[in-house]
Amino acid sequence: MVNLNKIKQARENISKIINETPLMTSESISSEVGNQIFFKCEHLQKTGSFKIRGASNKIINEASKGARSIVAASSGNHGQAVSYIARKLGLTPTIVVPANVAACKQKGIRAYHGNIEFCGESSEERLGRAKQISKEENAPYVPPYDDPLIMAGQGTIGLEILEQLDSVDEVYVPIGGGGLISGVATAIKEIKPHVRIIGVEPKLANDTYLSILKGERVNIGGSTTIADGLRTATPGELTFPIIQKYVDEIVLVDEEEIKTAFTIVLTRMKQVIETSAAVAVAAAMTREAEGKKIVALCSGGNVDTSVVSSILG
């Protein structure tokens, strides 16, 4: 489905669209936790998240086959990315979002001229509706994670990490549907198998953690975690086997740990990341002190000001 060659091809496909995001560090944070922590800054990516990588790779492929319109389901970031690249290539995007979509993400989709349809609050509801529209309008469906081209695009982050930090020991990656960690893990493990890949989920959205324990995909239903981009009910059908193959461990963080990590990144580093990105930081900061070089993948930065004020308040 996805391998190192396909990830390298994706990098060529999207090189003129995406930004190569920086790898930042904080001496004070690293000193406190006893490991050197680096932050892969996908919150500084175009459209404010890593999602532009996979979306670009997928939609470029569909455009080459003559597509005129595109349909996607998203809690926000994927929808912004799809809208951006679709309009850039002259395609009409329709994005199915949850009724409780974050205001900033809804505004972002509209700013990139995406057509919005609201549907339910669960990932299953919006995914089903997007697939229905795709069939009715004969428009290609762009999955948020469960697609080889999407995963290959996200995997380009793994290539950048290895180039930016040759001696990395561990990489912490947020898990929603699993597209991000599947691509990143494939890229890193197929180049440097000794690098440990740690997946991170909120305790309130632990579907992948439970699925790994059971050895099959588990559906947990809805979630109320503050990490709104990680409220997936079940791992992807295509992503789960890759997670089983390449991810060394999955750790869980609670809501207070997520808020603390968000606050530390904001106040110490002056960077605004999403609560979904803060899960990786939270896990990295609570790792046992061993002088390791650790990367926390900050997946996005599209966060409502109301969330910022509620956390800081």
C-alpha atoms as a PDB file:
ATOM      1  CA  MET A   1       0.000   0.000   0.000  1.00  0.00           C
ATOM      2  CA  VAL A   2       2.585   2.521   1.091  1.00  0.00           C
ATOM      3  CA  ASN A   3       6.362   2.139   1.111  1.00  0.00           C
ATOM      4  CA  LEU A   4       9.498   4.259   1.054  1.00  0.00           C
ATOM      5  CA  ASN A   5       9.522   4.591  -2.737  1.00  0.00           C
ATOM      6  CA  LYS A   6       5.925   5.846  -2.776  1.00  0.00           C
ATOM      7  CA  ILE A   7       6.738   8.345  -0.030  1.00  0.00           C
ATOM      8  CA  LYS A   8       9.719   9.630  -2.006  1.00  0.00           C
ATOM      9  CA  GLN A   9       7.493   9.922  -5.088  1.00  0.00           C
ATOM     10  CA  ALA A  10       4.940  11.841  -3.020  1.00  0.00           C
ATOM     11  CA  ARG A  11       7.676  14.245  -1.983  1.00  0.00           C
ATOM     12  CA  GLU A  12       8.408  14.989  -5.644  1.00  0.00           C
ATOM     13  CA  ASN A  13       4.700  15.412  -6.387  1.00  0.00           C
ATOM     14  CA  ILE A  14       4.061  17.962  -3.627  1.00  0.00           C
ATOM     15  CA  SER A  15       7.425  19.714  -3.352  1.00  0.00           C
ATOM     16  CA  LYS A  16       6.206  22.903  -5.029  1.00  0.00           C
ATOM     17  CA  ILE A  17       3.109  23.112  -2.835  1.00  0.00           C
ATOM     18  CA  ILE A  18       4.124  22.383   0.752  1.00  0.00           C
ATOM     19  CA  ASN A  19       6.631  23.998   3.094  1.00  0.00           C
ATOM     20  CA  GLU A  20       9.500  22.075   4.664  1.00  0.00           C
ATOM     21  CA  THR A  21       8.701  22.854   8.270  1.00  0.00           C
ATOM     22  CA  PRO A  22      11.388  23.623  10.862  1.00  0.00           C
ATOM     23  CA  LEU A  23      12.542  21.494  13.767  1.00  0.00           C
ATOM     24  CA  MET A  24      12.621  23.651  16.903  1.00  0.00           C
ATOM     25  CA  THR A  25      13.926  22.910  20.379  1.00  0.00           C
ATOM     26  CA  SER A  26      13.798  24.460  23.837  1.00  0.00           C
ATOM     27  CA  GLU A  27      16.780  24.254  26.153  1.00  0.00           C
ATOM     28  CA  SER A  28      14.650  24.930  29.228  1.00  0.00           C
ATOM     29  CA  ILE A  29      12.067  22.248  28.439  1.00  0.00           C
ATOM     30  CA  SER A  30      14.739  19.721  27.496  1.00  0.00           C
ATOM     31  CA  SER A  31      16.673  20.429  30.688  1.00  0.00           C
ATOM     32  CA  GLU A  32      13.588  19.939  32.848  1.00  0.00           C
ATOM     33  CA  VAL A  33      12.551  16.599  31.333  1.00  0.00           C
ATOM     34  CA  GLY A  34      16.029  15.091  30.985  1.00  0.00           C
ATOM     35  CA  ASN A  35      15.792  14.460  27.243  1.00  0.00           C
ATOM     36  CA  GLN A  36      16.502  16.746  24.316  1.00  0.00           C
ATOM     37  CA  ILE A  37      13.077  17.452  22.859  1.00  0.00           C
ATOM     38  CA  PHE A  38      12.613  18.727  19.322  1.00  0.00           C
ATOM     39  CA  PHE A  39       9.326  19.970  17.900  1.00  0.00           C
ATOM     40  CA  LYS A  40       8.478  19.202  14.264  1.00  0.00           C
ATOM     41  CA  CYS A  41       6.469  22.295  13.428  1.00  0.00           C
ATOM     42  CA  GLU A  42       3.653  21.221  11.127  1.00  0.00           C
ATOM     43  CA  HIS A  43       1.550  23.914  12.782  1.00  0.00           C
ATOM     44  CA  LEU A  44       3.571  26.271  10.554  1.00  0.00           C
ATOM     45  CA  GLN A  45       2.616  24.318   7.421  1.00  0.00           C
ATOM     46  CA  LYS A  46       0.320  25.756   4.727  1.00  0.00           C
ATOM     47  CA  THR A  47      -3.329  25.668   5.876  1.00  0.00           C
ATOM     48  CA  GLY A  48      -2.020  25.249   9.425  1.00  0.00           C
ATOM     49  CA  SER A  49      -1.484  21.475   9.569  1.00  0.00           C
ATOM     50  CA  PHE A  50       0.230  18.431   8.094  1.00  0.00           C
ATOM     51  CA  LYS A  51      -2.923  17.544   6.165  1.00  0.00           C
ATOM     52  CA  ILE A  52      -1.885  19.519   3.070  1.00  0.00           C
ATOM     53  CA  ARG A  53       0.780  16.896   2.344  1.00  0.00           C
ATOM     54  CA  GLY A  54      -1.538  13.920   1.903  1.00  0.00           C
ATOM     55  CA  ALA A  55      -4.358  15.953   0.371  1.00  0.00           C
ATOM     56  CA  SER A  56      -2.036  17.404  -2.268  1.00  0.00           C
ATOM     57  CA  ASN A  57      -0.647  14.010  -3.217  1.00  0.00           C
ATOM     58  CA  LYS A  58      -4.137  12.545  -3.569  1.00  0.00           C
ATOM     59  CA  ILE A  59      -5.795  15.429  -5.395  1.00  0.00           C
ATOM     60  CA  ILE A  60      -2.918  15.909  -7.846  1.00  0.00           C
ATOM     61  CA  ASN A  61      -3.489  12.277  -8.790  1.00  0.00           C
ATOM     62  CA  GLU A  62      -7.248  12.754  -9.210  1.00  0.00           C
ATOM     63  CA  ALA A  63      -6.782  15.953 -11.233  1.00  0.00           C
ATOM     64  CA  SER A  64      -4.453  14.108 -13.614  1.00  0.00           C
ATOM     65  CA  LYS A  65      -7.316  11.685 -14.309  1.00  0.00           C
ATOM     66  CA  GLY A  66      -9.710  14.515 -15.210  1.00  0.00           C
ATOM     67  CA  ALA A  67     -11.597  15.118 -11.962  1.00  0.00           C
ATOM     68  CA  ARG A  68     -13.543  18.396 -11.840  1.00  0.00           C
ATOM     69  CA  SER A  69     -14.782  18.226  -8.254  1.00  0.00           C
ATOM     70  CA  ILE A  70     -13.729  16.590  -4.985  1.00  0.00           C
ATOM     71  CA  VAL A  71     -15.549  15.415  -1.828  1.00  0.00           C
ATOM     72  CA  ALA A  72     -14.030  14.983   1.641  1.00  0.00           C
ATOM     73  CA  ALA A  73     -15.101  14.460   5.246  1.00  0.00           C
ATOM     74  CA  SER A  74     -13.227  16.300   7.952  1.00  0.00           C
ATOM     75  CA  SER A  75     -13.246  17.618  11.506  1.00  0.00           C
ATOM     76  CA  GLY A  76     -11.503  20.668  10.041  1.00  0.00           C
ATOM     77  CA  ASN A  77      -7.838  20.412   9.058  1.00  0.00           C
ATOM     78  CA  HIS A  78      -8.262  17.882   6.250  1.00  0.00           C
ATOM     79  CA  GLY A  79     -11.114  19.982   4.894  1.00  0.00           C
ATOM     80  CA  GLN A  80      -8.979  23.115   4.821  1.00  0.00           C
ATOM     81  CA  ALA A  81      -6.173  21.275   3.049  1.00  0.00           C
ATOM     82  CA  VAL A  82      -8.512  19.695   0.484  1.00  0.00           C
ATOM     83  CA  SER A  83     -10.190  23.041  -0.192  1.00  0.00           C
ATOM     84  CA  TYR A  84      -6.858  24.802  -0.650  1.00  0.00           C
ATOM     85  CA  ILE A  85      -5.299  22.366  -3.093  1.00  0.00           C
ATOM     86  CA  ALA A  86      -8.555  21.664  -4.960  1.00  0.00           C
ATOM     87  CA  ARG A  87      -9.124  25.347  -5.715  1.00  0.00           C
ATOM     88  CA  LYS A  88      -5.451  25.728  -6.627  1.00  0.00           C
ATOM     89  CA  LEU A  89      -5.876  23.005  -9.247  1.00  0.00           C
ATOM     90  CA  GLY A  90      -9.257  24.292 -10.445  1.00  0.00           C
ATOM     91  CA  LEU A  91     -11.467  21.660  -8.785  1.00  0.00           C
ATOM     92  CA  THR A  92     -14.631  22.320  -6.759  1.00  0.00           C
ATOM     93  CA  PRO A  93     -14.378  20.988  -3.177  1.00  0.00           C
ATOM     94  CA  THR A  94     -17.284  19.846  -0.988  1.00  0.00           C
ATOM     95  CA  ILE A  95     -16.405  19.217   2.665  1.00  0.00           C
ATOM     96  CA  VAL A  96     -18.657  17.334   5.108  1.00  0.00           C
ATOM     97  CA  VAL A  97     -17.931  18.535   8.646  1.00  0.00           C
ATOM     98  CA  PRO A  98     -19.384  17.711  12.081  1.00  0.00           C
ATOM     99  CA  ALA A  99     -22.058  19.971  13.527  1.00  0.00           C
ATOM    100  CA  ASN A 100     -19.637  20.900  16.322  1.00  0.00           C
ATOM    101  CA  VAL A 101     -16.684  21.715  14.052  1.00  0.00           C
ATOM    102  CA  ALA A 102     -14.261  24.238  15.568  1.00  0.00           C
ATOM    103  CA  ALA A 103     -15.152  27.753  14.419  1.00  0.00           C
ATOM    104  CA  CYS A 104     -11.629  28.542  13.224  1.00  0.00           C
ATOM    105  CA  LYS A 105     -11.553  25.403  11.077  1.00  0.00           C
ATOM    106  CA  GLN A 106     -14.957  26.151   9.561  1.00  0.00           C
ATOM    107  CA  LYS A 107     -13.765  29.661   8.713  1.00  0.00           C
ATOM    108  CA  GLY A 108     -10.589  28.214   7.237  1.00  0.00           C
ATOM    109  CA  ILE A 109     -12.519  25.911   4.899  1.00  0.00           C
ATOM    110  CA  ARG A 110     -14.669  28.821   3.735  1.00  0.00           C
ATOM    111  CA  ALA A 111     -11.597  31.031   3.300  1.00  0.00           C
ATOM    112  CA  TYR A 112     -10.216  28.443   0.866  1.00  0.00           C
ATOM    113  CA  HIS A 113     -13.609  28.436  -0.919  1.00  0.00           C
ATOM    114  CA  GLY A 114     -14.694  24.989   0.182  1.00  0.00           C
ATOM    115  CA  ASN A 115     -18.415  24.177   0.096  1.00  0.00           C
ATOM    116  CA  ILE A 116     -19.484  22.992   3.552  1.00  0.00           C
ATOM    117  CA  GLU A 117     -22.156  20.468   4.546  1.00  0.00           C
ATOM    118  CA  PHE A 118     -22.779  19.708   8.231  1.00  0.00           C
ATOM    119  CA  CYS A 119     -23.487  16.141   9.301  1.00  0.00           C
ATOM    120  CA  GLY A 120     -23.763  14.737  12.837  1.00  0.00           C
ATOM    121  CA  GLU A 121     -20.906  14.781  15.307  1.00  0.00           C
ATOM    122  CA  SER A 122     -19.208  11.412  14.813  1.00  0.00           C
ATOM    123  CA  SER A 123     -16.523  10.550  12.269  1.00  0.00           C
ATOM    124  CA  GLU A 124     -18.648   7.668  10.968  1.00  0.00           C
ATOM    125  CA  GLU A 125     -21.574   9.979  10.157  1.00  0.00           C
ATOM    126  CA  ARG A 126     -19.556  12.475   8.148  1.00  0.00           C
ATOM    127  CA  LEU A 127     -17.490   9.794   6.389  1.00  0.00           C
ATOM    128  CA  GLY A 128     -20.671   8.028   5.314  1.00  0.00           C
ATOM    129  CA  ARG A 129     -22.269  11.226   4.038  1.00  0.00           C
ATOM    130  CA  ALA A 130     -19.137  12.225   2.088  1.00  0.00           C
ATOM    131  CA  LYS A 131     -19.049   8.829   0.376  1.00  0.00           C
ATOM    132  CA  GLN A 132     -22.743   9.189  -0.472  1.00  0.00           C
ATOM    133  CA  ILE A 133     -22.168  12.608  -2.092  1.00  0.00           C
ATOM    134  CA  SER A 134     -19.171  11.210  -3.963  1.00  0.00           C
ATOM    135  CA  LYS A 135     -21.338   8.458  -5.453  1.00  0.00           C
ATOM    136  CA  GLU A 136     -24.276  10.743  -6.260  1.00  0.00           C
ATOM    137  CA  GLU A 137     -22.142  13.397  -7.957  1.00  0.00           C
ATOM    138  CA  ASN A 138     -19.525  11.062  -9.449  1.00  0.00           C
ATOM    139  CA  ALA A 139     -16.837  13.096  -7.696  1.00  0.00           C
ATOM    140  CA  PRO A 140     -13.701  11.442  -6.273  1.00  0.00           C
ATOM    141  CA  TYR A 141     -13.693  10.985  -2.514  1.00  0.00           C
ATOM    142  CA  VAL A 142     -10.571  12.112  -0.660  1.00  0.00           C
ATOM    143  CA  PRO A 143     -10.286  10.120   2.595  1.00  0.00           C
ATOM    144  CA  PRO A 144      -8.820  11.871   5.648  1.00  0.00           C
ATOM    145  CA  TYR A 145      -6.406   8.999   6.331  1.00  0.00           C
ATOM    146  CA  ASP A 146      -7.356   5.587   4.902  1.00  0.00           C
ATOM    147  CA  ASP A 147      -5.688   5.874   1.500  1.00  0.00           C
ATOM    148  CA  PRO A 148      -2.177   4.967   0.215  1.00  0.00           C
ATOM    149  CA  LEU A 149      -1.646   8.346  -1.468  1.00  0.00           C
ATOM    150  CA  ILE A 150      -2.734  10.189   1.670  1.00  0.00           C
ATOM    151  CA  MET A 151      -0.417   8.122   3.861  1.00  0.00           C
ATOM    152  CA  ALA A 152       2.488   8.560   1.437  1.00  0.00           C
ATOM    153  CA  GLY A 153       2.035  12.321   1.514  1.00  0.00           C
ATOM    154  CA  GLN A 154       2.050  12.389   5.312  1.00  0.00           C
ATOM    155  CA  GLY A 155       5.137  10.167   5.269  1.00  0.00           C
ATOM    156  CA  THR A 156       7.183  12.991   3.753  1.00  0.00           C
ATOM    157  CA  ILE A 157       7.360  14.406   7.293  1.00  0.00           C
ATOM    158  CA  GLY A 158       9.367  11.344   8.285  1.00  0.00           C
ATOM    159  CA  LEU A 159      11.901  12.018   5.537  1.00  0.00           C
ATOM    160  CA  GLU A 160      12.323  15.596   6.741  1.00  0.00           C
ATOM    161  CA  ILE A 161      12.793  14.555  10.366  1.00  0.00           C
ATOM    162  CA  LEU A 162      15.633  12.173   9.477  1.00  0.00           C
ATOM    163  CA  GLU A 163      17.322  14.841   7.373  1.00  0.00           C
ATOM    164  CA  GLN A 164      16.972  17.487  10.069  1.00  0.00           C
ATOM    165  CA  LEU A 165      18.023  15.290  13.012  1.00  0.00           C
ATOM    166  CA  ASP A 166      20.232  12.425  11.945  1.00  0.00           C
ATOM    167  CA  SER A 167      20.658  10.974  15.438  1.00  0.00           C
ATOM    168  CA  VAL A 168      17.000  10.921  16.526  1.00  0.00           C
ATOM    169  CA  ASP A 169      16.084   8.204  19.055  1.00  0.00           C
ATOM    170  CA  GLU A 170      12.275   8.465  19.273  1.00  0.00           C
ATOM    171  CA  VAL A 171       9.442  10.180  17.413  1.00  0.00           C
ATOM    172  CA  TYR A 172       6.097  10.858  19.129  1.00  0.00           C
ATOM    173  CA  VAL A 173       3.123  11.131  16.774  1.00  0.00           C
ATOM    174  CA  PRO A 174      -0.569  11.932  17.491  1.00  0.00           C
ATOM    175  CA  ILE A 175      -3.026   9.257  16.338  1.00  0.00           C
ATOM    176  CA  GLY A 176      -6.496   9.975  15.001  1.00  0.00           C
ATOM    177  CA  GLY A 177      -7.401   7.684  12.126  1.00  0.00           C
ATOM    178  CA  GLY A 178      -3.760   6.709  11.745  1.00  0.00           C
ATOM    179  CA  GLY A 179      -2.796   8.231   8.393  1.00  0.00           C
ATOM    180  CA  LEU A 180      -0.105  10.481   9.852  1.00  0.00           C
ATOM    181  CA  ILE A 181       1.629   7.861  11.965  1.00  0.00           C
ATOM    182  CA  SER A 182       1.350   5.223   9.219  1.00  0.00           C
ATOM    183  CA  GLY A 183       3.203   7.397   6.728  1.00  0.00           C
ATOM    184  CA  VAL A 184       5.769   8.739   9.190  1.00  0.00           C
ATOM    185  CA  ALA A 185       6.478   5.307  10.674  1.00  0.00           C
ATOM    186  CA  THR A 186       6.910   3.730   7.239  1.00  0.00           C
ATOM    187  CA  ALA A 187       9.367   6.408   6.113  1.00  0.00           C
ATOM    188  CA  ILE A 188      11.455   6.274   9.280  1.00  0.00           C
ATOM    189  CA  LYS A 189      11.419   2.521   9.899  1.00  0.00           C
ATOM    190  CA  GLU A 190      12.352   1.679   6.300  1.00  0.00           C
ATOM    191  CA  ILE A 191      15.382   3.985   6.538  1.00  0.00           C
ATOM    192  CA  LYS A 192      16.356   3.645  10.215  1.00  0.00           C
ATOM    193  CA  PRO A 193      14.600   0.690  11.863  1.00  0.00           C
ATOM    194  CA  HIS A 194      16.173   1.403  15.258  1.00  0.00           C
ATOM    195  CA  VAL A 195      14.313   4.709  15.685  1.00  0.00           C
ATOM    196  CA  ARG A 196      11.358   4.125  18.000  1.00  0.00           C
ATOM    197  CA  ILE A 197       7.947   5.346  16.831  1.00  0.00           C
ATOM    198  CA  ILE A 198       5.570   6.182  19.674  1.00  0.00           C
ATOM    199  CA  GLY A 199       1.914   6.800  18.937  1.00  0.00           C
ATOM    200  CA  VAL A 200      -0.040   9.053  21.310  1.00  0.00           C
ATOM    201  CA  GLU A 201      -3.775   9.206  21.976  1.00  0.00           C
ATOM    202  CA  PRO A 202      -5.953  10.981  24.531  1.00  0.00           C
ATOM    203  CA  LYS A 203      -7.308   8.641  27.193  1.00  0.00           C
ATOM    204  CA  LEU A 204     -10.776   9.742  26.075  1.00  0.00           C
ATOM    205  CA  ALA A 205     -10.104   8.662  22.465  1.00  0.00           C
ATOM    206  CA  ASN A 206      -8.073   5.486  22.853  1.00  0.00           C
ATOM    207  CA  ASP A 207      -9.422   3.427  19.949  1.00  0.00           C
ATOM    208  CA  THR A 208      -6.015   2.540  18.497  1.00  0.00           C
ATOM    209  CA  TYR A 209      -4.587   1.686  21.922  1.00  0.00           C
ATOM    210  CA  LEU A 210      -7.479  -0.714  22.582  1.00  0.00           C
ATOM    211  CA  SER A 211      -7.283  -2.109  19.060  1.00  0.00           C
ATOM    212  CA  ILE A 212      -3.604  -2.972  19.487  1.00  0.00           C
ATOM    213  CA  LEU A 213      -4.378  -4.728  22.770  1.00  0.00           C
ATOM    214  CA  LYS A 214      -7.162  -6.758  21.185  1.00  0.00           C
ATOM    215  CA  GLY A 215      -5.371  -7.406  17.900  1.00  0.00           C
ATOM    216  CA  GLU A 216      -8.254  -6.076  15.837  1.00  0.00           C
ATOM    217  CA  ARG A 217      -9.966  -2.741  15.187  1.00  0.00           C
ATOM    218  CA  VAL A 218     -12.136  -1.550  18.065  1.00  0.00           C
ATOM    219  CA  ASN A 219     -14.903   1.047  17.799  1.00  0.00           C
ATOM    220  CA  ILE A 220     -15.220   3.291  20.875  1.00  0.00           C
ATOM    221  CA  GLY A 221     -18.076   5.463  19.596  1.00  0.00           C
ATOM    222  CA  GLY A 222     -17.978   9.198  20.338  1.00  0.00           C
ATOM    223  CA  SER A 223     -15.387  11.144  22.314  1.00  0.00           C
ATOM    224  CA  THR A 224     -15.342  14.422  24.198  1.00  0.00           C
ATOM    225  CA  THR A 225     -11.573  14.923  24.358  1.00  0.00           C
ATOM    226  CA  ILE A 226     -10.317  18.483  24.016  1.00  0.00           C
ATOM    227  CA  ALA A 227      -8.099  17.176  21.195  1.00  0.00           C
ATOM    228  CA  ASP A 228     -10.875  17.555  18.630  1.00  0.00           C
ATOM    229  CA  GLY A 229      -8.797  16.315  15.694  1.00  0.00           C
ATOM    230  CA  LEU A 230      -8.318  12.936  17.388  1.00  0.00           C
ATOM    231  CA  ARG A 231     -11.951  12.025  18.052  1.00  0.00           C
ATOM    232  CA  THR A 232     -11.878   9.085  15.666  1.00  0.00           C
ATOM    233  CA  ALA A 233     -14.039   6.126  16.668  1.00  0.00           C
ATOM    234  CA  THR A 234     -11.872   3.387  15.166  1.00  0.00           C
ATOM    235  CA  PRO A 235      -8.498   3.087  13.403  1.00  0.00           C
ATOM    236  CA  GLY A 236      -8.481   3.026   9.622  1.00  0.00           C
ATOM    237  CA  GLU A 237      -8.826  -0.291   7.825  1.00  0.00           C
ATOM    238  CA  LEU A 238      -5.639   0.390   5.868  1.00  0.00           C
ATOM    239  CA  THR A 239      -3.724   2.276   8.541  1.00  0.00           C
ATOM    240  CA  PHE A 240      -4.165  -0.246  11.348  1.00  0.00           C
ATOM    241  CA  PRO A 241      -1.969  -3.031   9.869  1.00  0.00           C
ATOM    242  CA  ILE A 242       0.818  -0.496   9.309  1.00  0.00           C
ATOM    243  CA  ILE A 243       0.547   0.677  12.902  1.00  0.00           C
ATOM    244  CA  GLN A 244       0.734  -2.935  14.042  1.00  0.00           C
ATOM    245  CA  LYS A 245       3.856  -3.458  11.925  1.00  0.00           C
ATOM    246  CA  TYR A 246       5.867  -0.322  12.614  1.00  0.00           C
ATOM    247  CA  VAL A 247       4.709   1.458  15.780  1.00  0.00           C
ATOM    248  CA  ASP A 248       6.710   0.423  18.837  1.00  0.00           C
ATOM    249  CA  GLU A 249       4.329   1.662  21.511  1.00  0.00           C
ATOM    250  CA  ILE A 250       1.139   3.634  22.030  1.00  0.00           C
ATOM    251  CA  VAL A 251       0.821   5.827  25.103  1.00  0.00           C
ATOM    252  CA  LEU A 252      -2.172   7.665  26.505  1.00  0.00           C
ATOM    253  CA  VAL A 253      -2.339  11.177  27.970  1.00  0.00           C
ATOM    254  CA  ASP A 254      -5.121  12.726  30.010  1.00  0.00           C
ATOM    255  CA  GLU A 255      -6.870  16.045  29.444  1.00  0.00           C
ATOM    256  CA  GLU A 256      -4.835  17.934  32.033  1.00  0.00           C
ATOM    257  CA  GLU A 257      -1.560  16.698  30.525  1.00  0.00           C
ATOM    258  CA  ILE A 258      -2.728  17.915  27.117  1.00  0.00           C
ATOM    259  CA  LYS A 259      -3.577  21.356  28.502  1.00  0.00           C
ATOM    260  CA  THR A 260      -0.258  21.585  30.345  1.00  0.00           C
ATOM    261  CA  ALA A 261       1.725  20.727  27.214  1.00  0.00           C
ATOM    262  CA  PHE A 262      -0.259  23.266  25.182  1.00  0.00           C
ATOM    263  CA  THR A 263       0.440  25.960  27.769  1.00  0.00           C
ATOM    264  CA  ILE A 264       4.159  25.196  28.016  1.00  0.00           C
ATOM    265  CA  VAL A 265       4.652  25.371  24.243  1.00  0.00           C
ATOM    266  CA  LEU A 266       2.741  28.654  24.133  1.00  0.00           C
ATOM    267  CA  THR A 267       4.451  30.344  27.058  1.00  0.00           C
ATOM    268  CA  ARG A 268       7.983  28.974  26.667  1.00  0.00           C
ATOM    269  CA  MET A 269       8.306  28.763  22.887  1.00  0.00           C
ATOM    270  CA  LYS A 270       5.709  31.346  21.833  1.00  0.00           C
ATOM    271  CA  GLN A 271       4.162  28.785  19.477  1.00  0.00           C
ATOM    272  CA  VAL A 272       0.424  28.148  19.176  1.00  0.00           C
ATOM    273  CA  ILE A 273      -0.306  24.487  18.531  1.00  0.00           C
ATOM    274  CA  GLU A 274      -3.568  22.580  18.535  1.00  0.00           C
ATOM    275  CA  THR A 275      -4.589  20.477  21.486  1.00  0.00           C
ATOM    276  CA  SER A 276      -4.387  17.525  19.074  1.00  0.00           C
ATOM    277  CA  ALA A 277      -0.707  18.357  18.542  1.00  0.00           C
ATOM    278  CA  ALA A 278      -0.162  18.871  22.267  1.00  0.00           C
ATOM    279  CA  VAL A 279      -0.786  15.165  22.938  1.00  0.00           C
ATOM    280  CA  ALA A 280       2.580  14.312  21.363  1.00  0.00           C
ATOM    281  CA  VAL A 281       4.309  17.001  23.403  1.00  0.00           C
ATOM    282  CA  ALA A 282       2.609  15.789  26.589  1.00  0.00           C
ATOM    283  CA  ALA A 283       3.820  12.229  26.067  1.00  0.00           C
ATOM    284  CA  ALA A 284       7.346  13.319  25.166  1.00  0.00           C
ATOM    285  CA  MET A 285       7.571  15.492  28.272  1.00  0.00           C
ATOM    286  CA  THR A 286       6.576  12.659  30.591  1.00  0.00           C
ATOM    287  CA  ARG A 287       9.066  10.159  29.167  1.00  0.00           C
ATOM    288  CA  GLU A 288      11.706   8.819  31.540  1.00  0.00           C
ATOM    289  CA  ALA A 289      14.856  10.974  31.573  1.00  0.00           C
ATOM    290  CA  GLU A 290      17.607   9.160  29.664  1.00  0.00           C
ATOM    291  CA  GLY A 291      19.288  11.882  27.617  1.00  0.00           C
ATOM    292  CA  LYS A 292      17.486  10.779  24.441  1.00  0.00           C
ATOM    293  CA  LYS A 293      16.900  12.891  21.349  1.00  0.00           C
ATOM    294  CA  ILE A 294      13.137  12.970  20.960  1.00  0.00           C
ATOM    295  CA  VAL A 295      10.885  14.535  18.323  1.00  0.00           C
ATOM    296  CA  ALA A 296       7.308  15.538  19.168  1.00  0.00           C
ATOM    297  CA  LEU A 297       5.324  15.968  15.966  1.00  0.00           C
ATOM    298  CA  CYS A 298       3.226  19.133  16.332  1.00  0.00           C
ATOM    299  CA  SER A 299       0.575  18.219  13.791  1.00  0.00           C
ATOM    300  CA  GLY A 300      -1.317  21.514  13.510  1.00  0.00           C
ATOM    301  CA  GLY A 301      -2.018  24.979  14.819  1.00  0.00           C
ATOM    302  CA  ASN A 302      -5.655  25.661  13.978  1.00  0.00           C
ATOM    303  CA  VAL A 303      -7.093  26.353  17.413  1.00  0.00           C
ATOM    304  CA  ASP A 304      -9.997  28.599  18.405  1.00  0.00           C
ATOM    305  CA  THR A 305      -9.131  31.610  20.538  1.00  0.00           C
ATOM    306  CA  SER A 306     -11.894  30.507  22.918  1.00  0.00           C
ATOM    307  CA  VAL A 307      -9.987  27.269  23.542  1.00  0.00           C
ATOM    308  CA  VAL A 308      -6.783  29.185  24.189  1.00  0.00           C
ATOM    309  CA  SER A 309      -8.468  31.444  26.720  1.00  0.00           C
ATOM    310  CA  SER A 310     -10.229  28.549  28.451  1.00  0.00           C
ATOM    311  CA  ILE A 311      -6.957  26.641  28.884  1.00  0.00           C
ATOM    312  CA  LEU A 312      -4.972  29.642  30.056  1.00  0.00           C
ATOM    313  CA  GLY A 313      -7.813  30.837  32.225  1.00  0.00           C
END
